[in-house]
C-alpha atoms as a PDB file:
ATOM      1  CA  UNK A   1      96.802  89.321  94.460  1.00  0.00           C
ATOM      2  CA  UNK A   2      95.837  89.854  90.672  1.00  0.00           C
ATOM      3  CA  UNK A   3      93.593  91.980  88.814  1.00  0.00           C
ATOM      4  CA  UNK A   4      90.575  90.514  86.795  1.00  0.00           C
ATOM      5  CA  UNK A   5      92.410  90.996  83.361  1.00  0.00           C
ATOM      6  CA  UNK A   6      95.663  89.363  84.712  1.00  0.00           C
ATOM      7  CA  UNK A   7      93.991  86.525  86.313  1.00  0.00           C
ATOM      8  CA  UNK A   8      91.904  86.021  83.143  1.00  0.00           C
ATOM      9  CA  UNK A   9      94.861  85.984  80.924  1.00  0.00           C
ATOM     10  CA  UNK A  10      96.620  83.635  83.362  1.00  0.00           C
ATOM     11  CA  UNK A  11      93.757  81.247  82.975  1.00  0.00           C
ATOM     12  CA  UNK A  12      93.674  81.395  79.469  1.00  0.00           C
ATOM     13  CA  UNK A  13      97.128  80.658  79.009  1.00  0.00           C
ATOM     14  CA  UNK A  14      97.127  77.789  81.832  1.00  0.00           C
ATOM     15  CA  UNK A  15      93.923  76.196  79.773  1.00  0.00           C
ATOM     16  CA  UNK A  16      95.809  76.363  76.527  1.00  0.00           C
ATOM     17  CA  UNK A  17      98.882  74.747  77.695  1.00  0.00           C
ATOM     18  CA  UNK A  18      96.847  72.079  79.291  1.00  0.00           C
ATOM     19  CA  UNK A  19      95.119  71.327  76.099  1.00  0.00           C
ATOM     20  CA  UNK A  20      97.554  71.873  73.380  1.00  0.00           C
ATOM     21  CA  UNK A  21     101.045  71.782  75.083  1.00  0.00           C
ATOM     22  CA  UNK A  22     101.972  75.040  74.055  1.00  0.00           C
ATOM     23  CA  UNK A  23     100.701  78.621  74.925  1.00  0.00           C
ATOM     24  CA  UNK A  24      98.701  80.969  72.832  1.00  0.00           C
ATOM     25  CA  UNK A  25      99.815  83.680  70.467  1.00  0.00           C
ATOM     26  CA  UNK A  26      99.554  87.393  71.509  1.00  0.00           C
ATOM     27  CA  UNK A  27      96.960  87.506  68.980  1.00  0.00           C
ATOM     28  CA  UNK A  28      94.911  84.622  70.286  1.00  0.00           C
ATOM     29  CA  UNK A  29      95.225  86.431  73.904  1.00  0.00           C
ATOM     30  CA  UNK A  30      94.117  89.864  72.697  1.00  0.00           C
ATOM     31  CA  UNK A  31      90.930  88.109  71.026  1.00  0.00           C
ATOM     32  CA  UNK A  32      90.472  85.936  74.082  1.00  0.00           C
ATOM     33  CA  UNK A  33      90.635  89.163  76.448  1.00  0.00           C
ATOM     34  CA  UNK A  34      88.616  91.665  73.972  1.00  0.00           C
ATOM     35  CA  UNK A  35      91.864  93.845  74.032  1.00  0.00           C
ATOM     36  CA  UNK A  36      92.201  96.357  71.135  1.00  0.00           C
ATOM     37  CA  UNK A  37      96.006  96.226  70.916  1.00  0.00           C
ATOM     38  CA  UNK A  38      98.819  93.660  71.662  1.00  0.00           C
ATOM     39  CA  UNK A  39     100.333  96.517  74.010  1.00  0.00           C
ATOM     40  CA  UNK A  40      97.966  95.787  76.576  1.00  0.00           C
ATOM     41  CA  UNK A  41      98.857  91.847  76.500  1.00  0.00           C
ATOM     42  CA  UNK A  42     102.420  92.957  76.784  1.00  0.00           C
ATOM     43  CA  UNK A  43     101.626  94.634  79.824  1.00  0.00           C
ATOM     44  CA  UNK A  44      99.681  92.090  81.342  1.00  0.00           C
ATOM     45  CA  UNK A  45     102.499  89.441  80.549  1.00  0.00           C
ATOM     46  CA  UNK A  46     105.079  91.679  82.240  1.00  0.00           C
ATOM     47  CA  UNK A  47     102.676  91.999  85.397  1.00  0.00           C
ATOM     48  CA  UNK A  48     102.304  88.217  85.669  1.00  0.00           C
ATOM     49  CA  UNK A  49     105.944  87.663  85.168  1.00  0.00           C
ATOM     50  CA  UNK A  50     107.310  90.121  87.600  1.00  0.00           C
ATOM     51  CA  UNK A  51     104.755  88.600  90.181  1.00  0.00           C
ATOM     52  CA  UNK A  52     106.305  85.102  89.473  1.00  0.00           C
ATOM     53  CA  UNK A  53     103.267  83.494  87.885  1.00  0.00           C
ATOM     54  CA  UNK A  54     104.992  82.907  84.584  1.00  0.00           C
ATOM     55  CA  UNK A  55     108.403  82.923  82.824  1.00  0.00           C
ATOM     56  CA  UNK A  56     109.384  84.147  79.565  1.00  0.00           C
ATOM     57  CA  UNK A  57     111.950  82.030  77.845  1.00  0.00           C
ATOM     58  CA  UNK A  58     114.355  83.930  75.564  1.00  0.00           C
ATOM     59  CA  UNK A  59     114.913  83.326  71.951  1.00  0.00           C
ATOM     60  CA  UNK A  60     111.883  81.259  71.341  1.00  0.00           C
ATOM     61  CA  UNK A  61     108.558  82.146  69.910  1.00  0.00           C
ATOM     62  CA  UNK A  62     105.247  81.583  72.203  1.00  0.00           C
ATOM     63  CA  UNK A  63     107.494  80.529  75.111  1.00  0.00           C
ATOM     64  CA  UNK A  64     105.840  81.291  78.087  1.00  0.00           C
ATOM     65  CA  UNK A  65     106.134  78.741  81.077  1.00  0.00           C
ATOM     66  CA  UNK A  66     103.685  78.809  83.994  1.00  0.00           C
ATOM     67  CA  UNK A  67     105.376  78.821  87.157  1.00  0.00           C
ATOM     68  CA  UNK A  68     102.695  78.790  89.731  1.00  0.00           C
ATOM     69  CA  UNK A  69      98.860  79.602  90.210  1.00  0.00           C
ATOM     70  CA  UNK A  70      96.999  81.272  92.530  1.00  0.00           C
ATOM     71  CA  UNK A  71      94.368  79.249  94.739  1.00  0.00           C
ATOM     72  CA  UNK A  72      91.357  80.262  92.747  1.00  0.00           C
ATOM     73  CA  UNK A  73      92.931  78.594  89.624  1.00  0.00           C
ATOM     74  CA  UNK A  74      93.990  75.360  91.464  1.00  0.00           C
ATOM     75  CA  UNK A  75      97.520  76.624  93.268  1.00  0.00           C
ATOM     76  CA  UNK A  76      98.975  75.900  96.297  1.00  0.00           C
ATOM     77  CA  UNK A  77      97.434  77.608  99.351  1.00  0.00           C
ATOM     78  CA  UNK A  78      99.301  79.974 101.540  1.00  0.00           C
ATOM     79  CA  UNK A  79     101.957  78.009 103.810  1.00  0.00           C
ATOM     80  CA  UNK A  80     101.299  78.415 107.746  1.00  0.00           C
ATOM     81  CA  UNK A  81     104.555  78.478 109.778  1.00  0.00           C
ATOM     82  CA  UNK A  82     104.639  75.764 112.842  1.00  0.00           C
ATOM     83  CA  UNK A  83     103.428  77.225 116.078  1.00  0.00           C
ATOM     84  CA  UNK A  84     106.521  78.630 118.334  1.00  0.00           C
ATOM     85  CA  UNK A  85     107.076  79.213 121.927  1.00  0.00           C
ATOM     86  CA  UNK A  86     108.088  82.451 123.446  1.00  0.00           C
ATOM     87  CA  UNK A  87     109.488  82.385 126.725  1.00  0.00           C
ATOM     88  CA  UNK A  88     110.544  85.795 127.395  1.00  0.00           C
ATOM     89  CA  UNK A  89     113.364  86.544 129.847  1.00  0.00           C
ATOM     90  CA  UNK A  90     114.307  83.149 130.936  1.00  0.00           C
ATOM     91  CA  UNK A  91     114.151  82.956 134.493  1.00  0.00           C
ATOM     92  CA  UNK A  92     116.826  81.531 136.943  1.00  0.00           C
ATOM     93  CA  UNK A  93     116.337  78.052 138.556  1.00  0.00           C
ATOM     94  CA  UNK A  94     113.562  75.306 137.883  1.00  0.00           C
ATOM     95  CA  UNK A  95     110.209  76.576 136.093  1.00  0.00           C
ATOM     96  CA  UNK A  96     107.012  76.697 138.729  1.00  0.00           C
ATOM     97  CA  UNK A  97     104.823  73.896 138.263  1.00  0.00           C
ATOM     98  CA  UNK A  98     102.113  75.832 136.958  1.00  0.00           C
ATOM     99  CA  UNK A  99     104.534  77.553 134.079  1.00  0.00           C
ATOM    100  CA  UNK A 100     102.601  77.623 130.746  1.00  0.00           C
ATOM    101  CA  UNK A 101     104.384  78.796 127.844  1.00  0.00           C
ATOM    102  CA  UNK A 102     102.897  80.864 125.299  1.00  0.00           C
ATOM    103  CA  UNK A 103     102.144  79.368 121.923  1.00  0.00           C
ATOM    104  CA  UNK A 104     101.876  81.565 119.045  1.00  0.00           C
ATOM    105  CA  UNK A 105     100.187  80.801 115.930  1.00  0.00           C
ATOM    106  CA  UNK A 106     101.651  82.513 112.894  1.00  0.00           C
ATOM    107  CA  UNK A 107     101.175  82.538 109.005  1.00  0.00           C
ATOM    108  CA  UNK A 108     103.248  83.500 106.180  1.00  0.00           C
ATOM    109  CA  UNK A 109     101.806  85.987 103.782  1.00  0.00           C
ATOM    110  CA  UNK A 110     103.423  87.180 100.342  1.00  0.00           C
ATOM    111  CA  UNK A 111     104.449  90.773 100.210  1.00  0.00           C
ATOM    112  CA  UNK A 112     103.134  91.782  96.968  1.00  0.00           C
ATOM    113  CA  UNK A 113     104.887  94.822  96.483  1.00  0.00           C
ATOM    114  CA  UNK A 114     104.242  98.756  97.394  1.00  0.00           C
ATOM    115  CA  UNK A 115     101.061 100.596  97.911  1.00  0.00           C
ATOM    116  CA  UNK A 116     100.848 104.261  97.858  1.00  0.00           C
ATOM    117  CA  UNK A 117      99.686 106.201 100.850  1.00  0.00           C
ATOM    118  CA  UNK A 118      99.839 109.489  99.198  1.00  0.00           C
ATOM    119  CA  UNK A 119      99.941 110.125  95.185  1.00  0.00           C
ATOM    120  CA  UNK A 120      98.809 106.809  93.672  1.00  0.00           C
ATOM    121  CA  UNK A 121     101.658 104.629  92.419  1.00  0.00           C
ATOM    122  CA  UNK A 122     101.886 101.287  90.491  1.00  0.00           C
ATOM    123  CA  UNK A 123     101.265  98.705  93.192  1.00  0.00           C
ATOM    124  CA  UNK A 124     101.341  94.828  93.650  1.00  0.00           C
ATOM    125  CA  UNK A 125     104.169  94.365  91.233  1.00  0.00           C
ATOM    126  CA  UNK A 126     105.421  90.946  92.410  1.00  0.00           C
ATOM    127  CA  UNK A 127     105.969  89.011  95.414  1.00  0.00           C
ATOM    128  CA  UNK A 128     109.114  90.347  96.895  1.00  0.00           C
ATOM    129  CA  UNK A 129     109.327  88.442  99.956  1.00  0.00           C
ATOM    130  CA  UNK A 130     107.083  86.883 102.877  1.00  0.00           C
ATOM    131  CA  UNK A 131     106.231  88.174 106.230  1.00  0.00           C
ATOM    132  CA  UNK A 132     104.845  86.128 109.364  1.00  0.00           C
ATOM    133  CA  UNK A 133     101.937  87.659 110.868  1.00  0.00           C
ATOM    134  CA  UNK A 134     100.076  86.155 113.651  1.00  0.00           C
ATOM    135  CA  UNK A 135      97.132  83.973 112.891  1.00  0.00           C
ATOM    136  CA  UNK A 136      94.670  85.969 115.017  1.00  0.00           C
ATOM    137  CA  UNK A 137      95.268  88.844 112.576  1.00  0.00           C
ATOM    138  CA  UNK A 138      94.069  86.720 109.742  1.00  0.00           C
ATOM    139  CA  UNK A 139      90.401  85.964 109.469  1.00  0.00           C
ATOM    140  CA  UNK A 140      89.179  82.498 108.014  1.00  0.00           C
ATOM    141  CA  UNK A 141      87.303  84.539 105.267  1.00  0.00           C
ATOM    142  CA  UNK A 142      89.234  84.764 101.803  1.00  0.00           C
ATOM    143  CA  UNK A 143      92.771  85.142 100.836  1.00  0.00           C
ATOM    144  CA  UNK A 144      95.105  87.630 102.472  1.00  0.00           C
ATOM    145  CA  UNK A 145      98.267  89.300 101.337  1.00  0.00           C
ATOM    146  CA  UNK A 146     100.817  92.052 102.573  1.00  0.00           C
ATOM    147  CA  UNK A 147     101.993  95.654 100.942  1.00  0.00           C
ATOM    148  CA  UNK A 148     104.651  97.645 102.102  1.00  0.00           C
ATOM    149  CA  UNK A 149     103.323 101.344 102.276  1.00  0.00           C
ATOM    150  CA  UNK A 150     105.111 104.224 100.858  1.00  0.00           C
ATOM    151  CA  UNK A 151     103.852 107.959 101.519  1.00  0.00           C
ATOM    152  CA  UNK A 152     102.524 109.592 104.609  1.00  0.00           C
ATOM    153  CA  UNK A 153      98.504 110.448 103.611  1.00  0.00           C
ATOM    154  CA  UNK A 154      97.299 107.803 106.222  1.00  0.00           C
ATOM    155  CA  UNK A 155      99.536 108.925 109.192  1.00  0.00           C
ATOM    156  CA  UNK A 156      96.505 110.036 111.048  1.00  0.00           C
ATOM    157  CA  UNK A 157      95.028 106.524 110.826  1.00  0.00           C
ATOM    158  CA  UNK A 158      98.357 105.374 112.408  1.00  0.00           C
ATOM    159  CA  UNK A 159      99.949 104.246 109.202  1.00  0.00           C
ATOM    160  CA  UNK A 160     103.380 105.208 108.316  1.00  0.00           C
ATOM    161  CA  UNK A 161     105.742 105.155 105.346  1.00  0.00           C
ATOM    162  CA  UNK A 162     107.638 101.626 105.748  1.00  0.00           C
ATOM    163  CA  UNK A 163     104.874 100.012 107.531  1.00  0.00           C
ATOM    164  CA  UNK A 164     103.550  96.782 106.135  1.00  0.00           C
ATOM    165  CA  UNK A 165      99.654  96.506 106.020  1.00  0.00           C
ATOM    166  CA  UNK A 166      97.855  93.228 106.069  1.00  0.00           C
ATOM    167  CA  UNK A 167      95.187  92.971 103.386  1.00  0.00           C
ATOM    168  CA  UNK A 168      91.851  90.712 103.182  1.00  0.00           C
ATOM    169  CA  UNK A 169      90.986  90.421  99.513  1.00  0.00           C
ATOM    170  CA  UNK A 170      87.399  91.539  98.960  1.00  0.00           C
ATOM    171  CA  UNK A 171      85.679  93.482  96.236  1.00  0.00           C
ATOM    172  CA  UNK A 172      82.861  95.230  98.753  1.00  0.00           C
ATOM    173  CA  UNK A 173      83.400  98.176 101.365  1.00  0.00           C
ATOM    174  CA  UNK A 174      81.538  99.676 103.605  1.00  0.00           C
ATOM    175  CA  UNK A 175      81.984 103.558 104.117  1.00  0.00           C
ATOM    176  CA  UNK A 176      84.906 104.279 106.423  1.00  0.00           C
ATOM    177  CA  UNK A 177      86.653 101.153 105.766  1.00  0.00           C
ATOM    178  CA  UNK A 178      90.432 101.487 104.664  1.00  0.00           C
ATOM    179  CA  UNK A 179      90.841  99.698 101.502  1.00  0.00           C
ATOM    180  CA  UNK A 180      93.536  99.032  98.725  1.00  0.00           C
ATOM    181  CA  UNK A 181      91.731 100.788  95.825  1.00  0.00           C
ATOM    182  CA  UNK A 182      92.412 100.123  92.040  1.00  0.00           C
ATOM    183  CA  UNK A 183      91.845 103.341  90.140  1.00  0.00           C
ATOM    184  CA  UNK A 184      91.088 103.050  86.321  1.00  0.00           C
ATOM    185  CA  UNK A 185      92.604  99.304  86.528  1.00  0.00           C
ATOM    186  CA  UNK A 186      96.088 100.936  86.498  1.00  0.00           C
ATOM    187  CA  UNK A 187      97.281 102.237  90.214  1.00  0.00           C
ATOM    188  CA  UNK A 188      96.464 101.257  93.445  1.00  0.00           C
ATOM    189  CA  UNK A 189      96.254 103.466  96.661  1.00  0.00           C
ATOM    190  CA  UNK A 190      95.454 103.010 100.369  1.00  0.00           C
ATOM    191  CA  UNK A 191      92.583 105.264 101.583  1.00  0.00           C
ATOM    192  CA  UNK A 192      89.404 105.410 103.296  1.00  0.00           C
ATOM    193  CA  UNK A 193      86.406 104.367 100.987  1.00  0.00           C
ATOM    194  CA  UNK A 194      83.296 106.493 100.905  1.00  0.00           C
ATOM    195  CA  UNK A 195      80.464 106.113  98.328  1.00  0.00           C
ATOM    196  CA  UNK A 196      78.716 109.255  97.250  1.00  0.00           C
ATOM    197  CA  UNK A 197      75.650 108.472  95.193  1.00  0.00           C
ATOM    198  CA  UNK A 198      77.400 107.111  91.897  1.00  0.00           C
ATOM    199  CA  UNK A 199      80.798 108.273  93.021  1.00  0.00           C
ATOM    200  CA  UNK A 200      83.410 107.048  95.163  1.00  0.00           C
ATOM    201  CA  UNK A 201      85.371 109.127  97.428  1.00  0.00           C
ATOM    202  CA  UNK A 202      88.949 108.202  98.485  1.00  0.00           C
ATOM    203  CA  UNK A 203      89.860 110.071 101.517  1.00  0.00           C
ATOM    204  CA  UNK A 204      93.417 110.491 103.100  1.00  0.00           C
ATOM    205  CA  UNK A 205      94.078 110.723 106.721  1.00  0.00           C
ATOM    206  CA  UNK A 206      96.250 113.576 106.577  1.00  0.00           C
ATOM    207  CA  UNK A 207      94.883 117.015 105.921  1.00  0.00           C
ATOM    208  CA  UNK A 208      97.589 117.798 103.583  1.00  0.00           C
ATOM    209  CA  UNK A 209      95.936 115.671 101.067  1.00  0.00           C
ATOM    210  CA  UNK A 210      92.682 116.311  99.442  1.00  0.00           C
ATOM    211  CA  UNK A 211      89.878 113.844  99.094  1.00  0.00           C
ATOM    212  CA  UNK A 212      89.706 112.190  95.482  1.00  0.00           C
ATOM    213  CA  UNK A 213      86.051 111.596  94.300  1.00  0.00           C
ATOM    214  CA  UNK A 214      85.774 109.369  91.012  1.00  0.00           C
ATOM    215  CA  UNK A 215      83.174 107.618  88.900  1.00  0.00           C
ATOM    216  CA  UNK A 216      82.509 104.235  90.664  1.00  0.00           C
ATOM    217  CA  UNK A 217      83.270 102.610  87.305  1.00  0.00           C
ATOM    218  CA  UNK A 218      86.801 103.865  88.023  1.00  0.00           C
ATOM    219  CA  UNK A 219      87.497 102.472  91.265  1.00  0.00           C
ATOM    220  CA  UNK A 220      87.849  98.708  92.234  1.00  0.00           C
ATOM    221  CA  UNK A 221      88.126  97.500  95.795  1.00  0.00           C
ATOM    222  CA  UNK A 222      90.827  95.096  95.813  1.00  0.00           C
ATOM    223  CA  UNK A 223      90.791  94.427  99.451  1.00  0.00           C
ATOM    224  CA  UNK A 224      90.517  95.930 103.026  1.00  0.00           C
ATOM    225  CA  UNK A 225      93.047  96.622 105.994  1.00  0.00           C
ATOM    226  CA  UNK A 226      93.068  93.810 108.631  1.00  0.00           C
ATOM    227  CA  UNK A 227      96.132  94.482 110.249  1.00  0.00           C
ATOM    228  CA  UNK A 228      99.627  96.490 110.450  1.00  0.00           C
ATOM    229  CA  UNK A 229     103.135  95.378 110.930  1.00  0.00           C
ATOM    230  CA  UNK A 230     105.868  98.162 112.118  1.00  0.00           C
ATOM    231  CA  UNK A 231     109.620  97.449 112.565  1.00  0.00           C
ATOM    232  CA  UNK A 232     111.636  99.786 114.785  1.00  0.00           C
END
């Protein structure tokens, strides 16, 4: 998952490379995204590189290579695993005539980094690996991705440190939904979402953490929790 600024920059670079054969300069990127300084472009470039969308070539000016694109820009969709058969404990002797093995559909989702269930940390840094999830956990609406949880602020909702949460990308949420919330376009956290007038409350599921109430323009919903994976 990319922030809007990251997606805008990736699209601008892609279009310029297609049109001119070379990527734009940092000054051109800064102007295109209406940023005040090049430092903002440096942060966006670094984020795109960490997530595997671009590659910077050393010792060459304006040397940015696009490695992949998200689906929204024409990239390849998420690859599904082939169904597999689970037999369980194999019985002795021939199988009964009415034996029906269980076929499980699974999808492969990118694990986009770590998300804080506690004090917000920088999240969604890069695709660290991929994880298989049951197809029934993924709805047909929108893209999905996974995040590794760090922290204990959602333990009363059954979400523990080290769990992997499955998120459906969306920009809207209802009161009480557990969401990935991007705070001030910099940090992300996993919390319950509540709208309070012109403010947004991000509520933990652990009494040790206070509810954060922020102006609505400082909070952007990035996705809703649809599933959880736990290893023992």
